[in-house]
């Protein structure tokens, strides 16, 4: 294959990958990369309709990414009891996806002294289950975000905007036992630090 063919096939693969992504944000970024590559390909082979169409897609992806990152969203929590039917249905519905990040996770209602859904513009974006240990430490059992909202905004809301609420309950540290490589990547991204025993700890800022 010559260079032009490689560029064309690369663009096709990138576009194909973008279509498999659940996250809207990831889809837009990957789709933008594929469309930009196709635009360059179209110009190089002088197929200007191809270049024009994909150039339009690039601009469209940029427009929606700008809206996503600049949009002000209303975050709030909805606290639930351990026996809440919607909670149980939610965990059952997303169990396969939950197991990817938390292999072997099993819900134990009696462990969760702090249980709430994270709502974004009144849409359920994730769930947070945890309990206190050692007086001032919050041990997280599940911090799960549904696929379309995996842009770390939930984490910022929980660990920054809710930190005063946690502190009022005497919580100074958050402890997590990572269950997968994806989970570890997430923890590092939001400021957790690995401890000697393999756990990850985050000190709530003052």
C-alpha atoms as a PDB file:
ATOM      1  CA  UNK A   1       0.000   0.000   0.000  1.00  0.00           C
ATOM      2  CA  UNK A   2       1.152   3.525  -0.709  1.00  0.00           C
ATOM      3  CA  UNK A   3       0.962   6.405   1.764  1.00  0.00           C
ATOM      4  CA  UNK A   4      -2.420   7.653   0.541  1.00  0.00           C
ATOM      5  CA  UNK A   5      -4.004   4.227   0.983  1.00  0.00           C
ATOM      6  CA  UNK A   6      -2.598   3.984   4.498  1.00  0.00           C
ATOM      7  CA  UNK A   7      -4.118   7.388   5.343  1.00  0.00           C
ATOM      8  CA  UNK A   8      -7.488   6.321   3.913  1.00  0.00           C
ATOM      9  CA  UNK A   9      -7.578   3.026   5.791  1.00  0.00           C
ATOM     10  CA  UNK A  10      -6.431   4.720   9.001  1.00  0.00           C
ATOM     11  CA  UNK A  11      -9.265   7.221   8.751  1.00  0.00           C
ATOM     12  CA  UNK A  12     -11.763   4.398   8.160  1.00  0.00           C
ATOM     13  CA  UNK A  13     -10.533   2.490  11.216  1.00  0.00           C
ATOM     14  CA  UNK A  14     -10.739   5.578  13.437  1.00  0.00           C
ATOM     15  CA  UNK A  15     -14.306   6.300  12.300  1.00  0.00           C
ATOM     16  CA  UNK A  16     -15.258   2.648  12.865  1.00  0.00           C
ATOM     17  CA  UNK A  17     -13.804   2.730  16.396  1.00  0.00           C
ATOM     18  CA  UNK A  18     -15.713   5.918  17.201  1.00  0.00           C
ATOM     19  CA  UNK A  19     -18.986   4.184  16.371  1.00  0.00           C
ATOM     20  CA  UNK A  20     -18.351   1.565  19.072  1.00  0.00           C
ATOM     21  CA  UNK A  21     -17.948   4.056  21.931  1.00  0.00           C
ATOM     22  CA  UNK A  22     -20.695   4.539  24.499  1.00  0.00           C
ATOM     23  CA  UNK A  23     -19.381   7.820  25.865  1.00  0.00           C
ATOM     24  CA  UNK A  24     -20.637  10.816  23.892  1.00  0.00           C
ATOM     25  CA  UNK A  25     -17.490  12.787  24.703  1.00  0.00           C
ATOM     26  CA  UNK A  26     -15.138  10.012  23.584  1.00  0.00           C
ATOM     27  CA  UNK A  27     -17.240   9.469  20.456  1.00  0.00           C
ATOM     28  CA  UNK A  28     -16.964  13.144  19.507  1.00  0.00           C
ATOM     29  CA  UNK A  29     -13.188  13.263  20.028  1.00  0.00           C
ATOM     30  CA  UNK A  30     -12.437  10.046  18.137  1.00  0.00           C
ATOM     31  CA  UNK A  31     -14.928  10.848  15.400  1.00  0.00           C
ATOM     32  CA  UNK A  32     -13.310  14.273  15.022  1.00  0.00           C
ATOM     33  CA  UNK A  33      -9.887  12.653  14.603  1.00  0.00           C
ATOM     34  CA  UNK A  34     -11.245  10.271  11.972  1.00  0.00           C
ATOM     35  CA  UNK A  35     -13.051  13.006  10.075  1.00  0.00           C
ATOM     36  CA  UNK A  36      -9.955  15.231  10.141  1.00  0.00           C
ATOM     37  CA  UNK A  37      -7.882  12.370   8.724  1.00  0.00           C
ATOM     38  CA  UNK A  38     -10.492  11.785   6.013  1.00  0.00           C
ATOM     39  CA  UNK A  39     -10.466  15.511   5.215  1.00  0.00           C
ATOM     40  CA  UNK A  40      -6.707  15.418   4.666  1.00  0.00           C
ATOM     41  CA  UNK A  41      -7.105  12.233   2.614  1.00  0.00           C
ATOM     42  CA  UNK A  42      -9.767  13.841   0.427  1.00  0.00           C
ATOM     43  CA  UNK A  43      -7.574  16.874  -0.228  1.00  0.00           C
ATOM     44  CA  UNK A  44      -4.527  14.747  -1.047  1.00  0.00           C
ATOM     45  CA  UNK A  45      -6.385  12.639  -3.618  1.00  0.00           C
ATOM     46  CA  UNK A  46      -8.301  15.699  -4.844  1.00  0.00           C
ATOM     47  CA  UNK A  47     -11.643  14.149  -3.894  1.00  0.00           C
ATOM     48  CA  UNK A  48     -13.031  17.458  -2.739  1.00  0.00           C
ATOM     49  CA  UNK A  49     -16.591  16.269  -1.970  1.00  0.00           C
ATOM     50  CA  UNK A  50     -15.040  13.790   0.505  1.00  0.00           C
ATOM     51  CA  UNK A  51     -12.905  16.545   2.001  1.00  0.00           C
ATOM     52  CA  UNK A  52     -15.864  18.938   2.218  1.00  0.00           C
ATOM     53  CA  UNK A  53     -18.165  16.413   3.909  1.00  0.00           C
ATOM     54  CA  UNK A  54     -15.588  15.366   6.486  1.00  0.00           C
ATOM     55  CA  UNK A  55     -14.529  18.942   7.062  1.00  0.00           C
ATOM     56  CA  UNK A  56     -18.156  19.646   7.925  1.00  0.00           C
ATOM     57  CA  UNK A  57     -18.136  16.682  10.337  1.00  0.00           C
ATOM     58  CA  UNK A  58     -15.001  18.079  12.001  1.00  0.00           C
ATOM     59  CA  UNK A  59     -16.727  21.421  12.550  1.00  0.00           C
ATOM     60  CA  UNK A  60     -19.843  19.654  13.845  1.00  0.00           C
ATOM     61  CA  UNK A  61     -17.833  17.599  16.343  1.00  0.00           C
ATOM     62  CA  UNK A  62     -15.972  20.721  17.485  1.00  0.00           C
ATOM     63  CA  UNK A  63     -19.259  22.554  17.959  1.00  0.00           C
ATOM     64  CA  UNK A  64     -20.768  19.809  20.130  1.00  0.00           C
ATOM     65  CA  UNK A  65     -17.558  19.357  22.127  1.00  0.00           C
ATOM     66  CA  UNK A  66     -17.574  23.079  22.847  1.00  0.00           C
ATOM     67  CA  UNK A  67     -21.180  22.817  24.029  1.00  0.00           C
ATOM     68  CA  UNK A  68     -20.347  19.806  26.211  1.00  0.00           C
ATOM     69  CA  UNK A  69     -17.376  21.455  27.918  1.00  0.00           C
ATOM     70  CA  UNK A  70     -18.970  24.881  28.293  1.00  0.00           C
ATOM     71  CA  UNK A  71     -22.416  23.708  29.341  1.00  0.00           C
ATOM     72  CA  UNK A  72     -23.336  24.416  32.943  1.00  0.00           C
ATOM     73  CA  UNK A  73     -24.893  21.333  34.450  1.00  0.00           C
ATOM     74  CA  UNK A  74     -26.915  21.026  37.612  1.00  0.00           C
ATOM     75  CA  UNK A  75     -25.456  18.351  39.877  1.00  0.00           C
ATOM     76  CA  UNK A  76     -27.284  17.049  42.884  1.00  0.00           C
ATOM     77  CA  UNK A  77     -27.609  13.862  44.904  1.00  0.00           C
ATOM     78  CA  UNK A  78     -30.524  11.603  45.628  1.00  0.00           C
ATOM     79  CA  UNK A  79     -29.974   9.604  48.792  1.00  0.00           C
ATOM     80  CA  UNK A  80     -31.486   6.129  48.887  1.00  0.00           C
ATOM     81  CA  UNK A  81     -31.968   3.430  51.467  1.00  0.00           C
ATOM     82  CA  UNK A  82     -30.356   0.052  51.099  1.00  0.00           C
ATOM     83  CA  UNK A  83     -33.618  -1.668  50.182  1.00  0.00           C
ATOM     84  CA  UNK A  84     -34.668   0.917  47.587  1.00  0.00           C
ATOM     85  CA  UNK A  85     -36.191  -0.942  44.621  1.00  0.00           C
ATOM     86  CA  UNK A  86     -34.810   1.450  42.030  1.00  0.00           C
ATOM     87  CA  UNK A  87     -31.323   1.067  43.511  1.00  0.00           C
ATOM     88  CA  UNK A  88     -31.549  -2.712  43.286  1.00  0.00           C
ATOM     89  CA  UNK A  89     -32.889  -2.538  39.713  1.00  0.00           C
ATOM     90  CA  UNK A  90     -30.126  -0.099  38.721  1.00  0.00           C
ATOM     91  CA  UNK A  91     -27.406  -2.387  40.064  1.00  0.00           C
ATOM     92  CA  UNK A  92     -28.922  -5.386  38.313  1.00  0.00           C
ATOM     93  CA  UNK A  93     -29.282  -3.535  34.995  1.00  0.00           C
ATOM     94  CA  UNK A  94     -25.673  -2.298  34.987  1.00  0.00           C
ATOM     95  CA  UNK A  95     -24.139  -5.352  36.657  1.00  0.00           C
ATOM     96  CA  UNK A  96     -22.167  -6.477  33.585  1.00  0.00           C
ATOM     97  CA  UNK A  97     -20.625  -3.035  33.188  1.00  0.00           C
ATOM     98  CA  UNK A  98     -20.007  -2.675  36.931  1.00  0.00           C
ATOM     99  CA  UNK A  99     -18.061  -5.950  36.938  1.00  0.00           C
ATOM    100  CA  UNK A 100     -15.615  -4.521  34.382  1.00  0.00           C
ATOM    101  CA  UNK A 101     -14.485  -1.919  36.916  1.00  0.00           C
ATOM    102  CA  UNK A 102     -15.338  -3.743  40.144  1.00  0.00           C
ATOM    103  CA  UNK A 103     -14.861  -7.475  39.474  1.00  0.00           C
ATOM    104  CA  UNK A 104     -16.712  -9.573  41.998  1.00  0.00           C
ATOM    105  CA  UNK A 105     -18.767  -6.686  43.335  1.00  0.00           C
ATOM    106  CA  UNK A 106     -21.778  -7.803  45.348  1.00  0.00           C
ATOM    107  CA  UNK A 107     -24.196  -5.374  46.896  1.00  0.00           C
ATOM    108  CA  UNK A 108     -24.446  -5.475  50.697  1.00  0.00           C
ATOM    109  CA  UNK A 109     -27.050  -3.044  51.939  1.00  0.00           C
ATOM    110  CA  UNK A 110     -25.894  -3.119  55.560  1.00  0.00           C
ATOM    111  CA  UNK A 111     -22.426  -1.804  54.612  1.00  0.00           C
ATOM    112  CA  UNK A 112     -23.541   1.403  52.963  1.00  0.00           C
ATOM    113  CA  UNK A 113     -23.899   4.195  55.494  1.00  0.00           C
ATOM    114  CA  UNK A 114     -23.634   6.669  52.606  1.00  0.00           C
ATOM    115  CA  UNK A 115     -25.644   5.792  49.516  1.00  0.00           C
ATOM    116  CA  UNK A 116     -26.755   8.169  46.814  1.00  0.00           C
ATOM    117  CA  UNK A 117     -27.336   8.581  43.108  1.00  0.00           C
ATOM    118  CA  UNK A 118     -25.551  11.417  41.340  1.00  0.00           C
ATOM    119  CA  UNK A 119     -27.992  13.372  39.190  1.00  0.00           C
ATOM    120  CA  UNK A 120     -26.978  15.598  36.289  1.00  0.00           C
ATOM    121  CA  UNK A 121     -29.813  17.836  35.166  1.00  0.00           C
ATOM    122  CA  UNK A 122     -32.082  15.352  36.976  1.00  0.00           C
ATOM    123  CA  UNK A 123     -30.751  12.402  34.929  1.00  0.00           C
ATOM    124  CA  UNK A 124     -29.163   9.531  36.849  1.00  0.00           C
ATOM    125  CA  UNK A 125     -25.463   9.683  35.984  1.00  0.00           C
ATOM    126  CA  UNK A 126     -23.999   7.359  38.587  1.00  0.00           C
ATOM    127  CA  UNK A 127     -24.150   5.813  42.009  1.00  0.00           C
ATOM    128  CA  UNK A 128     -21.939   6.148  45.102  1.00  0.00           C
ATOM    129  CA  UNK A 129     -21.915   3.576  47.894  1.00  0.00           C
ATOM    130  CA  UNK A 130     -19.585   3.827  50.899  1.00  0.00           C
ATOM    131  CA  UNK A 131     -19.266   3.374  54.660  1.00  0.00           C
ATOM    132  CA  UNK A 132     -17.138   4.858  57.438  1.00  0.00           C
ATOM    133  CA  UNK A 133     -14.202   3.019  58.989  1.00  0.00           C
ATOM    134  CA  UNK A 134     -11.734   4.076  61.699  1.00  0.00           C
ATOM    135  CA  UNK A 135     -13.888   7.056  62.620  1.00  0.00           C
ATOM    136  CA  UNK A 136     -12.694   9.523  59.992  1.00  0.00           C
ATOM    137  CA  UNK A 137     -12.205   7.448  56.836  1.00  0.00           C
ATOM    138  CA  UNK A 138     -14.750   6.754  54.136  1.00  0.00           C
ATOM    139  CA  UNK A 139     -14.286   3.416  52.395  1.00  0.00           C
ATOM    140  CA  UNK A 140     -15.835   3.416  48.929  1.00  0.00           C
ATOM    141  CA  UNK A 141     -17.576   0.233  47.869  1.00  0.00           C
ATOM    142  CA  UNK A 142     -18.848   1.463  44.516  1.00  0.00           C
ATOM    143  CA  UNK A 143     -18.352   4.667  42.567  1.00  0.00           C
ATOM    144  CA  UNK A 144     -19.959   3.837  39.241  1.00  0.00           C
ATOM    145  CA  UNK A 145     -20.817   6.179  36.387  1.00  0.00           C
ATOM    146  CA  UNK A 146     -23.087   5.166  33.516  1.00  0.00           C
ATOM    147  CA  UNK A 147     -21.270   5.057  30.129  1.00  0.00           C
ATOM    148  CA  UNK A 148     -22.634   8.272  28.611  1.00  0.00           C
ATOM    149  CA  UNK A 149     -21.420  10.389  31.555  1.00  0.00           C
ATOM    150  CA  UNK A 150     -17.823   9.186  31.895  1.00  0.00           C
ATOM    151  CA  UNK A 151     -16.107  12.556  31.622  1.00  0.00           C
ATOM    152  CA  UNK A 152     -14.873  12.834  35.249  1.00  0.00           C
ATOM    153  CA  UNK A 153     -17.415  15.553  36.100  1.00  0.00           C
ATOM    154  CA  UNK A 154     -19.147  13.176  38.510  1.00  0.00           C
ATOM    155  CA  UNK A 155     -15.873  12.638  40.355  1.00  0.00           C
ATOM    156  CA  UNK A 156     -15.208  16.370  40.603  1.00  0.00           C
ATOM    157  CA  UNK A 157     -18.683  16.857  42.015  1.00  0.00           C
ATOM    158  CA  UNK A 158     -18.298  14.101  44.615  1.00  0.00           C
ATOM    159  CA  UNK A 159     -14.764  14.794  45.799  1.00  0.00           C
ATOM    160  CA  UNK A 160     -14.690  18.582  45.517  1.00  0.00           C
ATOM    161  CA  UNK A 161     -18.188  20.010  45.806  1.00  0.00           C
ATOM    162  CA  UNK A 162     -19.357  17.439  48.365  1.00  0.00           C
ATOM    163  CA  UNK A 163     -16.202  17.492  50.484  1.00  0.00           C
ATOM    164  CA  UNK A 164     -17.716  19.894  53.038  1.00  0.00           C
ATOM    165  CA  UNK A 165     -20.657  17.563  53.475  1.00  0.00           C
ATOM    166  CA  UNK A 166     -18.286  14.670  54.125  1.00  0.00           C
ATOM    167  CA  UNK A 167     -16.263  16.746  56.581  1.00  0.00           C
ATOM    168  CA  UNK A 168     -19.389  17.648  58.524  1.00  0.00           C
ATOM    169  CA  UNK A 169     -19.788  13.922  59.091  1.00  0.00           C
ATOM    170  CA  UNK A 170     -16.219  13.707  60.407  1.00  0.00           C
ATOM    171  CA  UNK A 171     -14.711  12.295  57.218  1.00  0.00           C
ATOM    172  CA  UNK A 172     -11.147  13.420  56.443  1.00  0.00           C
ATOM    173  CA  UNK A 173      -9.942  10.663  54.100  1.00  0.00           C
ATOM    174  CA  UNK A 174     -11.404   8.487  51.366  1.00  0.00           C
ATOM    175  CA  UNK A 175     -10.065   4.949  50.921  1.00  0.00           C
ATOM    176  CA  UNK A 176     -10.547   2.687  47.908  1.00  0.00           C
ATOM    177  CA  UNK A 177      -9.480  -0.875  47.157  1.00  0.00           C
ATOM    178  CA  UNK A 178      -9.009  -0.830  43.359  1.00  0.00           C
ATOM    179  CA  UNK A 179     -10.424  -3.789  41.510  1.00  0.00           C
ATOM    180  CA  UNK A 180      -9.180  -3.313  37.942  1.00  0.00           C
ATOM    181  CA  UNK A 181      -6.703  -1.432  35.750  1.00  0.00           C
ATOM    182  CA  UNK A 182      -9.491   0.880  34.562  1.00  0.00           C
ATOM    183  CA  UNK A 183     -10.423   1.625  38.156  1.00  0.00           C
ATOM    184  CA  UNK A 184      -6.805   2.455  39.054  1.00  0.00           C
ATOM    185  CA  UNK A 185      -6.564   4.792  36.057  1.00  0.00           C
ATOM    186  CA  UNK A 186      -9.712   6.564  37.240  1.00  0.00           C
ATOM    187  CA  UNK A 187      -8.436   6.912  40.820  1.00  0.00           C
ATOM    188  CA  UNK A 188      -5.120   8.413  39.714  1.00  0.00           C
ATOM    189  CA  UNK A 189      -6.961  10.837  37.459  1.00  0.00           C
ATOM    190  CA  UNK A 190      -8.989  12.246  40.351  1.00  0.00           C
ATOM    191  CA  UNK A 191      -6.134  12.581  42.803  1.00  0.00           C
ATOM    192  CA  UNK A 192      -5.932   9.317  44.761  1.00  0.00           C
ATOM    193  CA  UNK A 193      -2.465   8.128  45.794  1.00  0.00           C
ATOM    194  CA  UNK A 194      -1.321   4.542  46.085  1.00  0.00           C
ATOM    195  CA  UNK A 195      -0.446   3.284  49.561  1.00  0.00           C
ATOM    196  CA  UNK A 196       2.042   0.596  50.567  1.00  0.00           C
ATOM    197  CA  UNK A 197      -0.741  -1.957  51.067  1.00  0.00           C
ATOM    198  CA  UNK A 198      -2.034  -1.426  47.521  1.00  0.00           C
ATOM    199  CA  UNK A 199      -5.017   0.698  48.505  1.00  0.00           C
ATOM    200  CA  UNK A 200      -5.602   4.197  47.151  1.00  0.00           C
ATOM    201  CA  UNK A 201      -6.154   7.151  49.475  1.00  0.00           C
ATOM    202  CA  UNK A 202      -7.383  10.693  48.982  1.00  0.00           C
ATOM    203  CA  UNK A 203      -7.104  13.354  51.684  1.00  0.00           C
ATOM    204  CA  UNK A 204     -10.031  15.761  51.512  1.00  0.00           C
ATOM    205  CA  UNK A 205      -8.665  19.237  50.938  1.00  0.00           C
ATOM    206  CA  UNK A 206      -9.397  21.998  53.453  1.00  0.00           C
END
